[in-house]
Each structure stands twice: as C-alpha cells, then as structure tokens.
Amino acid sequence: MTANRPNPPSHLLIIGAGGFARDIASLAYHEDPAHGVEWDIKGFLDDRMHLQGTSRWPIVGDPATYQPVEGDIFICAIGNPAARRRYARALIEKGADFIVFHPPPSREAAVGYIGRGSVFDSRVSIGSGSRLGEFVTVLSTSIIAHEVNIGDYVQIGSFVFIGGGVVIGNEVTIHPHATIIPGIHVGDGAVVGAGSVVVKDVPAGASVFGNPARIVFQKDI
C-alpha cells in the first residue's frame, strides 16, 4: 500500500489568464520539479471572466480585489510592463509573496541578482554577473550575456540576444528576435521592435525599429 503524499505547502496564483499565463501554467505543471512538491497551482487572477474554462485551472478572483491568504504565492504573467506593475504593487501592498519562476531547462551562470516576481520561459540563458530587477519577464530561447543590468518590469520576447555589459532601464519592452550589441544603454520605457539590431544607445521613451535600429517614435516620460 502506497502512503499518501502530503499536500504541497504553497499554492501558486498566476496573475493573468490570457494565452501567456496559460502557457506559463502548463510549463509550471509539466516542467518545474517544484510543482507538486513545494507548491501546486491554485488558479488565475483575472477580471476577464469570459476566459473561465479556457484552462484546466480556474480563474479564482480579480487581481485588483483578491486578498492573499496563508500559503498563497504569486507570479505575474502579463506582458504589458505598466499593467504588470499596477497589479503587482496592489497585491504587494496586501502582503502578497511573489516568487521567481525559472523552470528547467534554462541556464544560469553565476548571476549577480534576480529580483522577486521575475518569470522565465524555457531555454533562457543568463550570463555571469548579470543583474535582473523585479518583475522581469524573459520568454523562451533568449540569451542574456554576462554583466547585463536590467531594471524592473522589463518584458523580453523570445529569441532575443542581449550582449555583455548592456544596461536596460525600467519598463522596457524588447520584442522577439531583437539583438542588442554589447555595451548599449536602453532608457526607461523604451521599446525595441521585433528583429531590430540595436547598435547605439536608445533614449528613454523611444521606440526603435530596424537594422540598424532607428527611432520611429518618441514619448515623454
């Protein structure tokens, strides 16, 4: 007779119930060895109740009104940096415990720091001495080289390469297949378009696109 396995001590809530959040839930369930041992998946927090039933896990509440209870842990699977900040801060004020989600088969060297609430998709590589701020999201098969410094609430798409010594500000969005060559600085709130090759510094609030990347839009921040 097999002994009953104890229930995990923590219960993961995923902010967002869109396609990205559902992908992260599936990755957590199938790939992360912590699932079923350290935590299980409690469900999603999202105010779009029409998404109920689109996943094996339920939408259990609205992130704006949810009250954390003992045993809850959180990650935020929302692509928009400003929305991620808004929902995360509201829950942090209520005492929410955000974890770093970094399932295998990703690779970390001697990383200097990874801030709370950061979410990594599969096959992400992070070089030695790199520092990532809070609530950074890195999608699959992206490479962050050595001694890169990334701010808070940054979104990095799939198949992105960030060269050694790059500095990225807060709330930056880097779209898929972009390349940022070593030593570049990207200012707060900037957007790097898909497939762009960034060969010079990007000002805060600028949107750049192309090879080489050029400013196509500038906003005041």
Protein backbone atom coordinates (compact mmCIF):
# COMPACT_ATOMS: atom_id res chain seq x y z
CA MET A 1 0.00 0.00 0.00
CA THR A 2 1.43 3.37 -1.01
CA ALA A 3 1.46 6.13 1.60
CA ASN A 4 -0.48 9.26 0.78
CA ARG A 5 1.73 12.06 -0.48
CA PRO A 6 1.47 15.23 1.63
CA ASN A 7 -0.06 18.27 0.02
CA PRO A 8 2.39 20.99 -1.08
CA PRO A 9 2.76 23.78 1.48
CA SER A 10 2.19 26.62 -1.02
CA HIS A 11 -0.37 27.39 -3.68
CA LEU A 12 0.59 29.30 -6.82
CA LEU A 13 -1.65 32.04 -8.19
CA ILE A 14 -0.90 33.37 -11.68
CA ILE A 15 -1.90 36.97 -12.38
CA GLY A 16 -3.44 36.99 -15.83
CA ALA A 17 -5.41 34.28 -17.62
CA GLY A 18 -4.52 35.08 -21.22
CA GLY A 19 -2.53 32.92 -23.57
CA PHE A 20 0.84 33.73 -21.99
CA ALA A 21 -0.44 32.98 -18.49
CA ARG A 22 -1.92 29.67 -19.63
CA ASP A 23 1.37 28.76 -21.29
CA ILE A 24 3.24 29.52 -18.07
CA ALA A 25 0.77 27.42 -16.07
CA SER A 26 1.32 24.49 -18.43
CA LEU A 27 5.09 24.94 -18.21
CA ALA A 28 4.90 25.01 -14.42
CA TYR A 29 2.77 21.87 -14.34
CA HIS A 30 4.81 19.81 -16.78
CA GLU A 31 8.39 21.09 -16.42
CA ASP A 32 9.05 22.60 -12.99
CA PRO A 33 10.16 19.98 -10.43
CA ALA A 34 8.83 22.22 -7.64
CA HIS A 35 5.27 21.55 -8.82
CA GLY A 36 3.53 19.06 -6.56
CA VAL A 37 6.37 19.24 -4.03
CA GLU A 38 6.84 22.86 -2.95
CA TRP A 39 3.64 24.22 -4.47
CA ASP A 40 0.61 23.40 -6.59
CA ILE A 41 -1.35 25.64 -8.94
CA LYS A 42 -4.36 27.28 -7.31
CA GLY A 43 -5.53 29.16 -10.39
CA PHE A 44 -5.50 32.51 -12.15
CA LEU A 45 -6.36 36.05 -11.09
CA ASP A 46 -8.08 37.96 -13.90
CA ASP A 47 -11.14 40.19 -14.26
CA ARG A 48 -11.96 38.76 -17.70
CA MET A 49 -14.39 36.11 -16.58
CA HIS A 50 -15.19 35.14 -20.17
CA LEU A 51 -11.82 33.34 -20.08
CA GLN A 52 -13.13 30.96 -17.42
CA GLY A 53 -12.88 27.41 -18.73
CA THR A 54 -10.04 28.06 -21.19
CA SER A 55 -7.59 26.18 -18.93
CA ARG A 56 -7.64 23.19 -16.60
CA TRP A 57 -7.19 25.70 -13.73
CA PRO A 58 -9.91 28.16 -12.74
CA ILE A 59 -9.98 31.93 -12.51
CA VAL A 60 -10.34 32.33 -8.75
CA GLY A 61 -10.62 36.10 -8.49
CA ASP A 62 -9.81 39.60 -9.69
CA PRO A 63 -6.21 40.70 -9.03
CA ALA A 64 -7.44 44.16 -8.04
CA THR A 65 -9.59 42.83 -5.20
CA TYR A 66 -8.07 39.47 -4.26
CA GLN A 67 -6.97 39.18 -0.63
CA PRO A 68 -3.93 36.89 -0.17
CA VAL A 69 -4.28 34.10 2.38
CA GLU A 70 -1.67 31.99 4.14
CA GLY A 71 0.10 29.67 1.71
CA ASP A 72 -0.52 31.79 -1.39
CA ILE A 73 2.45 32.56 -3.63
CA PHE A 74 2.27 34.60 -6.82
CA ILE A 75 3.75 35.20 -10.25
CA CYS A 76 2.58 37.79 -12.79
CA ALA A 77 2.15 36.57 -16.38
CA ILE A 78 1.10 39.84 -18.01
CA GLY A 79 3.16 41.08 -20.95
CA ASN A 80 2.49 44.81 -20.61
CA PRO A 81 5.01 46.25 -18.12
CA ALA A 82 2.72 49.03 -16.85
CA ALA A 83 -0.16 46.60 -16.19
CA ARG A 84 2.25 44.18 -14.52
CA ARG A 85 3.45 46.94 -12.19
CA ARG A 86 -0.10 48.06 -11.37
CA TYR A 87 -1.37 44.62 -10.39
CA ALA A 88 1.81 43.53 -8.63
CA ARG A 89 2.01 46.65 -6.47
CA ALA A 90 -1.63 46.35 -5.42
CA LEU A 91 -1.05 42.79 -4.22
CA ILE A 92 2.30 43.58 -2.59
CA GLU A 93 0.53 46.23 -0.50
CA LYS A 94 -1.69 43.40 0.78
CA GLY A 95 1.32 41.26 1.70
CA ALA A 96 1.50 39.02 -1.39
CA ASP A 97 4.60 36.82 -1.70
CA PHE A 98 5.95 36.86 -5.27
CA ILE A 99 8.42 34.16 -6.28
CA VAL A 100 10.96 33.85 -9.10
CA PHE A 101 9.71 31.33 -11.68
CA HIS A 102 12.64 29.80 -13.57
CA PRO A 103 11.96 26.23 -14.70
CA PRO A 104 14.48 23.97 -16.42
CA PRO A 105 15.99 23.56 -18.96
CA SER A 106 17.13 27.16 -18.64
CA ARG A 107 20.75 28.01 -17.84
CA GLU A 108 22.11 30.39 -15.25
CA ALA A 109 25.78 31.14 -14.73
CA ALA A 110 26.87 32.96 -11.56
CA VAL A 111 24.08 35.50 -11.80
CA GLY A 112 24.52 38.53 -9.55
CA TYR A 113 20.85 39.05 -8.70
CA ILE A 114 17.34 38.19 -9.87
CA GLY A 115 14.54 40.27 -8.36
CA ARG A 116 11.29 38.95 -6.96
CA GLY A 117 8.41 38.23 -9.28
CA SER A 118 10.60 37.56 -12.32
CA VAL A 119 9.28 34.96 -14.77
CA PHE A 120 11.38 32.96 -17.23
CA ASP A 121 10.13 30.77 -20.03
CA SER A 122 12.07 27.67 -21.08
CA ARG A 123 15.59 27.67 -22.53
CA VAL A 124 16.58 31.09 -21.26
CA SER A 125 20.32 31.65 -20.77
CA ILE A 126 21.69 34.22 -18.30
CA GLY A 127 25.40 35.01 -18.17
CA SER A 128 27.67 35.53 -15.19
CA GLY A 129 27.43 38.73 -13.19
CA SER A 130 24.12 39.82 -14.70
CA ARG A 131 21.56 41.58 -12.52
CA LEU A 132 17.83 41.49 -13.23
CA GLY A 133 15.38 43.72 -11.39
CA GLU A 134 11.94 42.90 -10.05
CA PHE A 135 9.16 41.51 -12.24
CA VAL A 136 11.30 40.93 -15.31
CA THR A 137 9.79 38.55 -17.88
CA VAL A 138 12.03 36.68 -20.33
CA LEU A 139 10.42 34.45 -22.96
CA SER A 140 11.81 31.28 -24.47
CA THR A 141 15.21 30.83 -26.09
CA SER A 142 16.51 34.29 -25.24
CA ILE A 143 20.13 34.93 -24.26
CA ILE A 144 21.26 37.50 -21.71
CA ALA A 145 25.04 37.68 -21.79
CA HIS A 146 27.47 38.46 -18.97
CA GLU A 147 27.28 41.55 -16.72
CA VAL A 148 23.98 42.81 -18.13
CA ASN A 149 21.98 45.13 -15.86
CA ILE A 150 18.19 45.03 -16.34
CA GLY A 151 15.72 47.27 -14.48
CA ASP A 152 12.27 46.50 -13.07
CA TYR A 153 9.15 45.46 -15.01
CA VAL A 154 11.00 44.68 -18.24
CA GLN A 155 9.50 42.47 -20.97
CA ILE A 156 11.92 40.47 -23.15
CA GLY A 157 10.43 38.47 -26.02
CA SER A 158 11.55 35.16 -27.49
CA PHE A 159 14.83 34.69 -29.38
CA VAL A 160 16.32 37.95 -28.10
CA PHE A 161 20.09 38.41 -27.70
CA ILE A 162 21.37 40.98 -25.20
CA GLY A 163 25.13 41.45 -25.35
CA GLY A 164 27.57 41.76 -22.47
CA GLY A 165 27.50 44.92 -20.39
CA VAL A 166 24.17 46.17 -21.74
CA VAL A 167 22.14 48.37 -19.37
CA ILE A 168 18.34 48.29 -19.71
CA GLY A 169 16.10 50.69 -17.79
CA ASN A 170 12.73 50.16 -16.13
CA GLU A 171 9.55 49.17 -18.01
CA VAL A 172 11.37 48.47 -21.27
CA THR A 173 9.81 46.16 -23.89
CA ILE A 174 12.09 44.19 -26.21
CA HIS A 175 10.20 42.33 -28.92
CA PRO A 176 11.17 38.91 -30.39
CA HIS A 177 14.35 38.35 -32.40
CA ALA A 178 15.88 41.69 -31.38
CA THR A 179 19.64 41.96 -30.92
CA ILE A 180 21.28 44.50 -28.62
CA ILE A 181 25.04 44.62 -29.12
CA PRO A 182 27.41 44.76 -26.12
CA GLY A 183 27.67 47.93 -24.07
CA ILE A 184 24.44 49.58 -25.22
CA HIS A 185 22.21 51.57 -22.82
CA VAL A 186 18.41 51.40 -23.26
CA GLY A 187 16.48 54.07 -21.36
CA ASP A 188 13.37 53.73 -19.19
CA GLY A 189 10.14 52.99 -21.05
CA ALA A 190 11.83 52.33 -24.39
CA VAL A 191 10.51 49.82 -26.94
CA VAL A 192 12.76 47.75 -29.22
CA GLY A 193 10.89 46.43 -32.26
CA ALA A 194 10.89 42.83 -33.44
CA GLY A 195 14.02 41.82 -35.32
CA SER A 196 15.79 45.10 -34.62
CA VAL A 197 19.56 45.33 -34.27
CA VAL A 198 20.43 47.99 -31.70
CA VAL A 199 23.90 49.43 -32.32
CA LYS A 200 23.67 52.69 -30.35
CA ASP A 201 22.07 53.88 -27.13
CA VAL A 202 18.27 54.18 -27.02
CA PRO A 203 16.85 57.25 -25.21
CA ALA A 204 14.19 56.90 -22.53
CA GLY A 205 10.71 56.67 -24.04
CA ALA A 206 11.96 55.96 -27.56
CA SER A 207 10.62 53.22 -29.83
CA VAL A 208 13.26 51.89 -32.22
CA PHE A 209 12.97 49.55 -35.17
CA GLY A 210 15.10 48.21 -37.99
CA ASN A 211 18.64 47.09 -38.79
CA PRO A 212 20.31 49.21 -37.65
CA ALA A 213 17.58 50.31 -35.24
CA ARG A 214 16.35 53.88 -35.64
CA ILE A 215 13.90 55.92 -33.59
CA VAL A 216 10.39 55.69 -35.05
CA PHE A 217 8.52 57.22 -32.11
CA GLN A 218 9.41 59.26 -29.04
CA LYS A 219 7.19 59.72 -26.00
CA ASP A 220 7.67 61.95 -22.97
CA ILE A 221 8.13 60.04 -19.73
